[in-house]
Amino acid sequence: MRTHQKLCLSLLASTSTLLISSNLLAAPVVLELDYDIPVQQNQVAFVPFAGDSVLSPIILNDLSKTELKVTNKDLPQQPHSSSELSGTLPVWQSMGIPYLVVGSTRSNRGKVVTDYEVVDVKSGRVIEGKQTLTADNNKESLRYAGHVIADKVYELITGTPGDFSGRIAYIEEVGTGKDKVSRLKVMDADGENAKTITEVAGSIFSPSWSPDGNRIAYSVQRDKSYPVIYVQNVSGGGASALTPFKGSNLSPSFSPDGSKILFSSSFEGSADIYEMNASGGKPRRITNWPSSEVQPSYAPDGKSFVFVSDRAGFNKPQIYRYEFGSGRTTKVSNSSYATSPQFSSDGSQIAFLSGRSAAIMNSSGAVTTNLGNTGIDEAPSFSPNGKRVVYASTQGGKGILTIKSLNGGESFGKSGQGTIRSPVWSSSPK
């Protein structure tokens, strides 16, 4: 990895001659120019926390997937707090690793309390002081705590919140025709801890997270019936039907405040975009073109949404943006076949499908990243901080979830049974 450092260049000039010599120098003009200088590959030294065997492996694994190069090997000491570094800081500085993470766990009234620090090795300063996190003493809570700590360590070093405590929902299909069984599953952002939220005989489509990461909306199509949108709490409980309408009800999208849902439906004729309360009620039709309008997705500020329409011609779907305030619709995409738009959390990027290839464009429609042919007609989904995406593909007849870094971190895949579809990344649960 390269780190950003300042180089000072002195431009020396003489008022009387172009020849530079020791006795003909004017006062030097100093310019600060930014250069990338190769430095120690590892950017973070991680000392496993004292008294802990659960959190440290999770934190180390999470951070190792980012552009930060993390190591716990060949460290000169095993300190567990910054106070243990007094007198030995030069040893750490000589390694050339800019950051050091130390910490310890302790029990307190049946809870597990973790104290940890991120040390700027060059200055010896603890960035934003000691951090403390308290978790229940069970596997689920401790696993989540590890992801939360990794998020905070990443943020203290980079200034950007991490994306490890969000979860990924996806659909796993086995069998075909009347024998098809679909499962809506949720896993941690490291690809572990997968759980089935619901299972149906039939198909599940287009899961969508609520902004607080606690609910999922999705469509279910059973044999000889229309797709119906359901909303379900991830932590348990039954699913409630949101759209008992006679038509294809698909592609739910929660508003940024979680109070409303956009979806497409054909219950009044051709497919149009509707908006309704997330708790149910009467839907409001937003688009009313003779063409088909599908796959709506709210912008993060809630003032507009993107959707797909074939108004340009048969088999020529394009991505459009609708503005709530003015009712104005504008075309966003520039490729010949564009579907499945999903915003990044800051609204600056849109993941979509360009033909059969997963891609990313900026909000003006210019393609910035091509992720390649996924083999499935679905777009990638951004992680909460926009630094990674997750998408589904098929390799060797097996469904694969790929989590890909967009800024130099490690990419990795997770295989499942049958076909995997529609992975979508949540924000951290509130």
Protein backbone atom coordinates (compact mmCIF):
# COMPACT_ATOMS: atom_id res chain seq x y z
CA MET A 1 0.00 0.00 0.00
CA ARG A 2 1.11 3.58 -0.54
CA THR A 3 0.70 6.36 1.93
CA HIS A 4 0.26 10.03 1.16
CA GLN A 5 3.30 12.06 2.21
CA LYS A 6 4.42 15.64 1.57
CA LEU A 7 7.66 16.33 -0.24
CA CYS A 8 9.09 19.81 -0.11
CA LEU A 9 10.88 20.87 -3.25
CA SER A 10 12.97 24.00 -3.23
CA LEU A 11 13.01 25.84 -6.50
CA LEU A 12 16.11 27.97 -6.52
CA ALA A 13 16.44 30.98 -8.82
CA SER A 14 18.93 33.78 -9.35
CA THR A 15 18.01 37.28 -10.47
CA SER A 16 21.19 37.71 -12.49
CA THR A 17 21.94 34.37 -14.10
CA LEU A 18 20.47 30.99 -15.00
CA LEU A 19 23.57 29.34 -13.60
CA ILE A 20 22.93 28.18 -10.04
CA SER A 21 25.92 28.43 -7.75
CA SER A 22 26.41 28.83 -4.04
CA ASN A 23 27.00 32.56 -4.26
CA LEU A 24 24.24 33.41 -6.74
CA LEU A 25 21.19 32.03 -4.93
CA ALA A 26 18.12 34.07 -4.32
CA ALA A 27 15.81 33.13 -1.47
CA PRO A 28 14.46 29.66 -2.24
CA VAL A 29 10.79 29.30 -3.23
CA VAL A 30 9.35 26.29 -1.40
CA LEU A 31 6.51 24.38 -3.05
CA GLU A 32 4.67 21.55 -1.32
CA LEU A 33 3.82 18.82 -3.82
CA ASP A 34 1.94 15.60 -3.07
CA TYR A 35 3.73 12.39 -4.00
CA ASP A 36 2.92 8.75 -3.35
CA ILE A 37 5.87 7.05 -1.71
CA PRO A 38 6.05 3.29 -1.22
CA VAL A 39 6.21 2.51 2.48
CA GLN A 40 5.92 -0.54 4.73
CA GLN A 41 3.22 -2.73 3.18
CA ASN A 42 1.48 -3.36 6.50
CA GLN A 43 -0.33 -0.28 7.71
CA VAL A 44 -1.70 -1.67 10.96
CA ALA A 45 -0.12 -3.84 13.64
CA PHE A 46 -2.82 -5.68 15.59
CA VAL A 47 -2.05 -7.21 18.99
CA PRO A 48 -4.70 -9.79 19.98
CA PHE A 49 -6.65 -8.44 22.94
CA ALA A 50 -5.76 -9.69 26.41
CA GLY A 51 -8.30 -12.08 27.92
CA ASP A 52 -10.02 -12.60 24.58
CA SER A 53 -10.29 -15.47 22.10
CA VAL A 54 -13.50 -14.46 20.25
CA LEU A 55 -13.28 -10.78 19.25
CA SER A 56 -9.69 -10.55 18.03
CA PRO A 57 -9.94 -13.09 15.17
CA ILE A 58 -13.11 -11.36 13.90
CA ILE A 59 -11.53 -7.88 14.04
CA LEU A 60 -8.33 -9.08 12.38
CA ASN A 61 -10.25 -10.86 9.61
CA ASP A 62 -12.49 -7.85 8.97
CA LEU A 63 -9.62 -5.37 8.73
CA SER A 64 -7.60 -7.72 6.52
CA LYS A 65 -10.34 -7.46 3.86
CA THR A 66 -9.86 -3.69 3.55
CA GLU A 67 -7.19 -1.63 1.84
CA LEU A 68 -5.46 -1.42 5.23
CA LYS A 69 -2.77 -4.09 5.36
CA VAL A 70 -2.98 -5.63 8.83
CA THR A 71 -0.55 -7.96 10.55
CA ASN A 72 -0.29 -9.71 13.91
CA LYS A 73 2.96 -11.49 12.95
CA ASP A 74 6.51 -10.83 14.16
CA LEU A 75 5.53 -8.03 16.51
CA PRO A 76 8.30 -6.93 18.91
CA GLN A 77 5.98 -6.96 21.95
CA GLN A 78 2.45 -7.82 22.98
CA PRO A 79 1.20 -4.64 24.72
CA HIS A 80 -2.46 -4.40 25.67
CA SER A 81 -2.67 -0.68 26.40
CA SER A 82 -0.85 2.46 25.30
CA SER A 83 0.62 2.86 28.80
CA GLU A 84 2.67 -0.29 28.18
CA LEU A 85 4.41 1.46 25.26
CA SER A 86 6.34 3.94 27.43
CA GLY A 87 10.02 3.64 26.63
CA THR A 88 9.47 1.14 23.79
CA LEU A 89 7.86 3.39 21.19
CA PRO A 90 11.12 3.66 19.15
CA VAL A 91 11.03 -0.12 18.67
CA TRP A 92 7.59 0.17 17.07
CA GLN A 93 8.57 3.25 15.07
CA SER A 94 11.54 1.38 13.57
CA MET A 95 9.11 -1.16 12.07
CA GLY A 96 7.61 1.52 9.81
CA ILE A 97 4.01 0.48 10.56
CA PRO A 98 1.97 3.66 11.10
CA TYR A 99 -0.80 2.32 13.37
CA LEU A 100 -0.99 -0.06 16.32
CA VAL A 101 -4.20 -1.54 17.77
CA VAL A 102 -4.13 -2.80 21.36
CA GLY A 103 -6.84 -3.78 23.82
CA SER A 104 -8.18 -6.10 26.50
CA THR A 105 -11.47 -7.66 27.60
CA ARG A 106 -12.91 -8.07 31.08
CA SER A 107 -16.09 -9.34 32.68
CA ASN A 108 -18.43 -6.99 34.48
CA ARG A 109 -21.78 -8.14 35.86
CA GLY A 110 -22.15 -10.87 33.28
CA LYS A 111 -21.20 -8.57 30.38
CA VAL A 112 -17.98 -8.52 28.36
CA VAL A 113 -16.30 -5.11 28.37
CA THR A 114 -13.64 -4.37 25.77
CA ASP A 115 -11.19 -1.47 26.07
CA TYR A 116 -9.12 -0.76 22.98
CA GLU A 117 -6.88 1.94 21.55
CA VAL A 118 -5.58 2.90 18.10
CA VAL A 119 -2.09 4.37 18.44
CA ASP A 120 -0.47 6.68 15.91
CA VAL A 121 2.98 5.11 16.14
CA LYS A 122 4.94 8.11 14.85
CA SER A 123 3.67 10.44 17.57
CA GLY A 124 2.64 7.89 20.20
CA ARG A 125 -0.78 9.57 20.34
CA VAL A 126 -3.93 7.52 20.99
CA ILE A 127 -6.41 8.54 18.28
CA GLU A 128 -9.55 9.91 19.98
CA GLY A 129 -8.53 8.26 23.26
CA LYS A 130 -9.48 4.91 24.73
CA GLN A 131 -12.59 3.25 23.27
CA THR A 132 -14.89 1.00 25.31
CA LEU A 133 -17.60 -1.40 24.13
CA THR A 134 -19.90 -3.55 26.31
CA ALA A 135 -21.57 -6.68 24.93
CA ASP A 136 -23.68 -9.55 26.24
CA ASN A 137 -21.68 -12.68 26.94
CA ASN A 138 -23.01 -14.86 24.13
CA LYS A 139 -21.70 -15.87 20.72
CA GLU A 140 -24.08 -13.71 18.71
CA SER A 141 -23.45 -10.51 20.69
CA LEU A 142 -19.68 -11.02 20.78
CA ARG A 143 -19.53 -11.65 17.04
CA TYR A 144 -21.45 -8.43 16.43
CA ALA A 145 -19.20 -6.58 18.90
CA GLY A 146 -16.15 -7.70 16.93
CA HIS A 147 -17.62 -6.21 13.75
CA VAL A 148 -18.49 -2.96 15.56
CA ILE A 149 -14.93 -2.62 16.89
CA ALA A 150 -13.50 -3.29 13.41
CA ASP A 151 -15.81 -0.54 12.09
CA LYS A 152 -14.50 1.92 14.67
CA VAL A 153 -10.82 1.02 14.16
CA TYR A 154 -11.24 1.50 10.41
CA GLU A 155 -12.93 4.86 11.01
CA LEU A 156 -10.26 6.10 13.44
CA ILE A 157 -7.55 5.36 10.87
CA THR A 158 -9.27 6.36 7.61
CA GLY A 159 -11.93 8.86 8.72
CA THR A 160 -14.61 6.73 7.02
CA PRO A 161 -16.97 4.46 9.02
CA GLY A 162 -16.37 0.75 8.43
CA ASP A 163 -18.92 -1.55 6.82
CA PHE A 164 -18.52 -4.76 8.84
CA SER A 165 -21.52 -4.52 11.18
CA GLY A 166 -24.04 -4.28 8.33
CA ARG A 167 -25.52 -7.58 7.14
CA ILE A 168 -26.15 -9.10 3.73
CA ALA A 169 -29.52 -10.56 2.73
CA TYR A 170 -29.78 -12.86 -0.27
CA ILE A 171 -31.96 -15.53 -1.87
CA GLU A 172 -30.93 -19.16 -2.21
CA GLU A 173 -32.91 -21.33 -4.65
CA VAL A 174 -32.90 -25.11 -4.95
CA GLY A 175 -34.98 -27.20 -7.33
CA THR A 176 -36.99 -26.05 -10.34
CA GLY A 177 -40.62 -25.65 -11.38
CA LYS A 178 -43.10 -26.92 -8.80
CA ASP A 179 -40.23 -28.35 -6.79
CA LYS A 180 -38.46 -25.00 -6.36
CA VAL A 181 -37.77 -23.94 -2.78
CA SER A 182 -36.47 -20.44 -2.06
CA ARG A 183 -34.89 -19.25 1.17
CA LEU A 184 -34.30 -15.68 2.24
CA LYS A 185 -31.05 -15.72 4.18
CA VAL A 186 -29.05 -13.15 6.11
CA MET A 187 -25.32 -13.36 6.85
CA ASP A 188 -22.67 -11.18 8.44
CA ALA A 189 -20.55 -8.99 6.17
CA ASP A 190 -17.60 -11.39 6.54
CA GLY A 191 -19.62 -14.16 4.86
CA GLU A 192 -20.21 -16.08 8.11
CA ASN A 193 -23.17 -16.69 10.42
CA ALA A 194 -25.76 -17.26 7.66
CA LYS A 195 -29.34 -17.79 8.86
CA THR A 196 -32.61 -18.51 7.06
CA ILE A 197 -35.23 -15.81 7.66
CA THR A 198 -38.02 -17.42 5.65
CA GLU A 199 -38.49 -20.38 3.30
CA VAL A 200 -41.21 -20.77 0.66
CA ALA A 201 -42.27 -23.24 -2.01
CA GLY A 202 -41.90 -20.92 -4.99
CA SER A 203 -39.79 -17.86 -5.68
CA ILE A 204 -38.56 -14.95 -3.58
CA PHE A 205 -37.54 -11.74 -5.34
CA SER A 206 -35.71 -8.48 -4.62
CA PRO A 207 -35.15 -8.19 -0.87
CA SER A 208 -34.73 -4.65 0.44
CA TRP A 209 -33.52 -3.52 3.87
CA SER A 210 -35.16 -0.88 6.03
CA PRO A 211 -32.77 1.98 6.88
CA ASP A 212 -32.38 0.78 10.49
CA GLY A 213 -31.31 -2.69 9.34
CA ASN A 214 -34.10 -4.42 11.28
CA ARG A 215 -36.71 -5.19 8.58
CA ILE A 216 -36.67 -6.68 5.09
CA ALA A 217 -39.26 -6.23 2.35
CA TYR A 218 -39.39 -8.84 -0.41
CA SER A 219 -41.71 -10.39 -3.00
CA VAL A 220 -42.99 -13.97 -2.95
CA GLN A 221 -44.54 -15.78 -5.89
CA ARG A 222 -46.09 -19.14 -5.13
CA ASP A 223 -47.43 -21.57 -7.74
CA LYS A 224 -50.20 -20.03 -9.90
CA SER A 225 -50.33 -16.75 -8.00
CA TYR A 226 -49.17 -13.15 -8.36
CA PRO A 227 -46.05 -11.92 -6.59
CA VAL A 228 -46.93 -10.33 -3.24
CA ILE A 229 -44.66 -8.01 -1.23
CA TYR A 230 -44.10 -8.90 2.44
CA VAL A 231 -42.34 -7.08 5.26
CA GLN A 232 -40.61 -9.05 7.98
CA ASN A 233 -38.56 -8.30 11.07
CA VAL A 234 -35.12 -9.91 10.80
CA SER A 235 -34.99 -10.84 14.47
CA GLY A 236 -38.08 -13.04 14.19
CA GLY A 237 -41.86 -13.01 13.89
CA GLY A 238 -44.19 -13.56 10.98
CA ALA A 239 -44.20 -11.70 7.68
CA SER A 240 -47.04 -9.28 6.93
CA ALA A 241 -48.41 -8.97 3.38
CA LEU A 242 -48.14 -5.39 2.11
CA THR A 243 -49.64 -5.69 -1.40
CA PRO A 244 -52.61 -8.07 -1.68
CA PHE A 245 -53.30 -6.71 -5.18
CA LYS A 246 -54.02 -8.73 -8.32
CA GLY A 247 -50.88 -7.94 -10.27
CA SER A 248 -47.14 -8.45 -10.21
CA ASN A 249 -45.96 -6.62 -7.08
CA LEU A 250 -42.19 -6.44 -7.14
CA SER A 251 -39.02 -4.53 -6.19
CA PRO A 252 -39.84 -2.88 -2.86
CA SER A 253 -37.59 -0.02 -1.72
CA PHE A 254 -37.74 1.63 1.72
CA SER A 255 -37.65 5.41 1.99
CA PRO A 256 -34.62 6.79 3.89
CA ASP A 257 -36.76 7.35 7.01
CA GLY A 258 -38.32 3.88 6.75
CA SER A 259 -41.89 5.18 6.68
CA LYS A 260 -42.75 4.45 3.02
CA ILE A 261 -42.08 1.86 0.35
CA LEU A 262 -41.78 2.24 -3.40
CA PHE A 263 -42.66 -0.77 -5.56
CA SER A 264 -43.75 -1.71 -9.05
CA SER A 265 -47.14 -3.26 -9.74
CA SER A 266 -49.33 -4.16 -12.68
CA PHE A 267 -52.62 -4.30 -10.76
CA GLU A 268 -53.99 -1.30 -12.73
CA GLY A 269 -52.69 -2.40 -16.14
CA SER A 270 -49.09 -2.10 -17.30
CA ALA A 271 -46.37 -2.05 -14.64
CA ASP A 272 -46.06 1.31 -12.89
CA ILE A 273 -44.29 2.68 -9.83
CA TYR A 274 -46.32 3.14 -6.63
CA GLU A 275 -45.61 4.51 -3.17
CA MET A 276 -47.35 3.48 0.06
CA ASN A 277 -46.87 3.50 3.81
CA ALA A 278 -44.52 0.79 5.02
CA SER A 279 -47.27 -0.33 7.41
CA GLY A 280 -49.74 -0.83 4.56
CA GLY A 281 -52.70 1.10 3.21
CA LYS A 282 -53.68 2.53 -0.15
CA PRO A 283 -50.88 2.90 -2.73
CA ARG A 284 -50.32 6.11 -4.71
CA ARG A 285 -49.43 5.70 -8.38
CA ILE A 286 -46.44 7.85 -9.39
CA THR A 287 -45.71 6.86 -13.00
CA ASN A 288 -48.43 6.45 -15.62
CA TRP A 289 -46.75 5.83 -18.94
CA PRO A 290 -47.95 3.30 -21.55
CA SER A 291 -44.60 1.50 -21.16
CA SER A 292 -43.50 -0.70 -18.23
CA GLU A 293 -41.82 0.98 -15.23
CA VAL A 294 -40.12 -1.29 -12.70
CA GLN A 295 -37.29 -1.59 -10.13
CA PRO A 296 -37.65 1.69 -8.20
CA SER A 297 -34.97 2.67 -5.69
CA TYR A 298 -35.02 5.74 -3.43
CA ALA A 299 -32.15 8.21 -3.48
CA PRO A 300 -30.52 8.50 -0.02
CA ASP A 301 -31.97 12.00 0.50
CA GLY A 302 -35.50 10.78 -0.28
CA LYS A 303 -36.10 13.61 -2.76
CA SER A 304 -36.03 11.39 -5.85
CA PHE A 305 -35.81 7.79 -6.98
CA VAL A 306 -34.40 5.89 -9.94
CA PHE A 307 -36.31 3.25 -11.87
CA VAL A 308 -36.23 1.26 -15.10
CA SER A 309 -38.46 1.83 -18.12
CA ASP A 310 -38.67 0.35 -21.62
CA ARG A 311 -40.26 3.51 -23.04
CA ALA A 312 -37.25 3.80 -25.41
CA GLY A 313 -38.26 0.57 -27.13
CA PHE A 314 -38.71 -3.16 -26.69
CA ASN A 315 -35.72 -4.79 -24.98
CA LYS A 316 -34.05 -1.38 -24.54
CA PRO A 317 -34.52 -0.74 -20.83
CA GLN A 318 -33.01 2.46 -19.45
CA ILE A 319 -32.62 4.00 -16.00
CA TYR A 320 -34.55 7.20 -15.22
CA ARG A 321 -34.79 9.50 -12.22
CA TYR A 322 -38.06 10.90 -10.87
CA GLU A 323 -38.00 14.01 -8.65
CA PHE A 324 -40.79 14.17 -6.05
CA GLY A 325 -40.80 17.98 -5.75
CA SER A 326 -41.20 18.83 -9.43
CA GLY A 327 -42.54 15.56 -10.83
CA ARG A 328 -39.79 15.80 -13.45
CA THR A 329 -38.36 12.63 -15.02
CA THR A 330 -34.89 12.52 -16.61
CA LYS A 331 -32.94 9.71 -18.25
CA VAL A 332 -29.79 8.76 -16.32
CA SER A 333 -28.16 5.80 -18.08
CA ASN A 334 -26.16 6.03 -21.29
CA SER A 335 -25.63 2.34 -22.10
CA SER A 336 -27.87 0.44 -24.51
CA TYR A 337 -29.32 -1.88 -21.83
CA ALA A 338 -29.44 -0.69 -18.20
CA THR A 339 -31.42 -2.22 -15.33
CA SER A 340 -31.45 -2.85 -11.55
CA PRO A 341 -30.24 0.53 -10.23
CA GLN A 342 -29.15 0.82 -6.59
CA PHE A 343 -27.66 3.94 -4.99
CA SER A 344 -24.59 4.14 -2.83
CA SER A 345 -25.32 5.54 0.64
CA ASP A 346 -24.01 9.00 -0.27
CA GLY A 347 -25.96 9.14 -3.54
CA SER A 348 -22.85 9.73 -5.66
CA GLN A 349 -22.87 6.31 -7.37
CA ILE A 350 -25.42 3.93 -8.83
CA ALA A 351 -24.76 0.21 -9.17
CA PHE A 352 -26.61 -1.30 -12.13
CA LEU A 353 -26.59 -4.01 -14.76
CA SER A 354 -25.21 -3.02 -18.15
CA GLY A 355 -26.39 -5.81 -20.40
CA ARG A 356 -25.16 -8.89 -18.52
CA SER A 357 -22.31 -7.08 -16.79
CA ALA A 358 -22.41 -5.61 -13.31
CA ALA A 359 -21.25 -2.00 -13.38
CA ILE A 360 -21.16 1.27 -11.45
CA MET A 361 -21.95 4.71 -12.82
CA ASN A 362 -21.86 8.16 -11.27
CA SER A 363 -25.07 10.11 -10.73
CA SER A 364 -24.67 11.66 -14.19
CA GLY A 365 -24.72 8.25 -15.91
CA ALA A 366 -21.01 7.89 -16.75
CA VAL A 367 -19.75 4.34 -16.11
CA THR A 368 -16.88 4.43 -13.59
CA THR A 369 -16.37 0.71 -12.88
CA ASN A 370 -17.07 -2.50 -14.79
CA LEU A 371 -17.27 -5.52 -12.51
CA GLY A 372 -17.62 -8.04 -15.35
CA ASN A 373 -20.19 -10.61 -16.40
CA THR A 374 -21.91 -12.01 -13.32
CA GLY A 375 -23.97 -14.57 -15.24
CA ILE A 376 -27.15 -13.45 -13.47
CA ASP A 377 -29.36 -10.52 -14.42
CA GLU A 378 -28.80 -8.64 -11.18
CA ALA A 379 -26.80 -5.63 -10.11
CA PRO A 380 -24.33 -5.39 -7.26
CA SER A 381 -25.24 -3.78 -3.94
CA PHE A 382 -23.00 -1.25 -2.18
CA SER A 383 -21.69 -1.70 1.34
CA PRO A 384 -22.73 1.06 3.78
CA ASN A 385 -19.59 3.13 3.20
CA GLY A 386 -19.52 2.56 -0.58
CA LYS A 387 -16.02 1.01 -0.49
CA ARG A 388 -17.21 -2.50 -1.40
CA VAL A 389 -19.99 -4.23 -3.33
CA VAL A 390 -21.61 -7.65 -3.12
CA TYR A 391 -23.00 -9.46 -6.14
CA ALA A 392 -24.17 -12.94 -7.11
CA SER A 393 -22.73 -15.14 -9.84
CA THR A 394 -22.53 -18.76 -10.88
CA GLN A 395 -19.21 -20.60 -11.07
CA GLY A 396 -18.98 -24.27 -11.97
CA GLY A 397 -22.74 -24.62 -11.59
CA LYS A 398 -22.58 -23.28 -8.03
CA GLY A 399 -24.05 -20.07 -6.70
CA ILE A 400 -21.38 -17.66 -5.43
CA LEU A 401 -21.63 -14.44 -3.45
CA THR A 402 -18.69 -12.18 -4.18
CA ILE A 403 -17.72 -9.31 -1.91
CA LYS A 404 -15.44 -7.06 -3.91
CA SER A 405 -13.38 -4.13 -2.69
CA LEU A 406 -13.48 -1.01 -4.86
CA ASN A 407 -10.36 0.58 -3.35
CA GLY A 408 -7.64 -2.06 -3.19
CA GLY A 409 -8.86 -4.30 -0.39
CA GLU A 410 -9.21 -8.06 -0.59
CA SER A 411 -12.15 -9.56 -2.50
CA PHE A 412 -13.59 -12.93 -1.52
CA GLY A 413 -16.40 -15.31 -2.42
CA LYS A 414 -18.89 -17.42 -0.49
CA SER A 415 -20.59 -20.39 -2.10
CA GLY A 416 -24.08 -21.66 -1.32
CA GLN A 417 -26.52 -24.35 -2.31
CA GLY A 418 -28.24 -24.03 -5.67
CA THR A 419 -28.65 -20.58 -7.20
CA ILE A 420 -27.91 -17.39 -5.28
CA ARG A 421 -29.70 -14.17 -6.18
CA SER A 422 -30.22 -10.54 -5.17
CA PRO A 423 -27.71 -9.94 -2.38
CA VAL A 424 -28.25 -6.59 -0.70
CA TRP A 425 -26.17 -4.97 2.05
CA SER A 426 -27.81 -3.31 5.06
CA SER A 427 -26.57 -0.41 7.12
CA SER A 428 -25.52 -1.22 10.68
CA PRO A 429 -28.59 -2.20 12.77
CA LYS A 430 -29.69 0.69 14.96
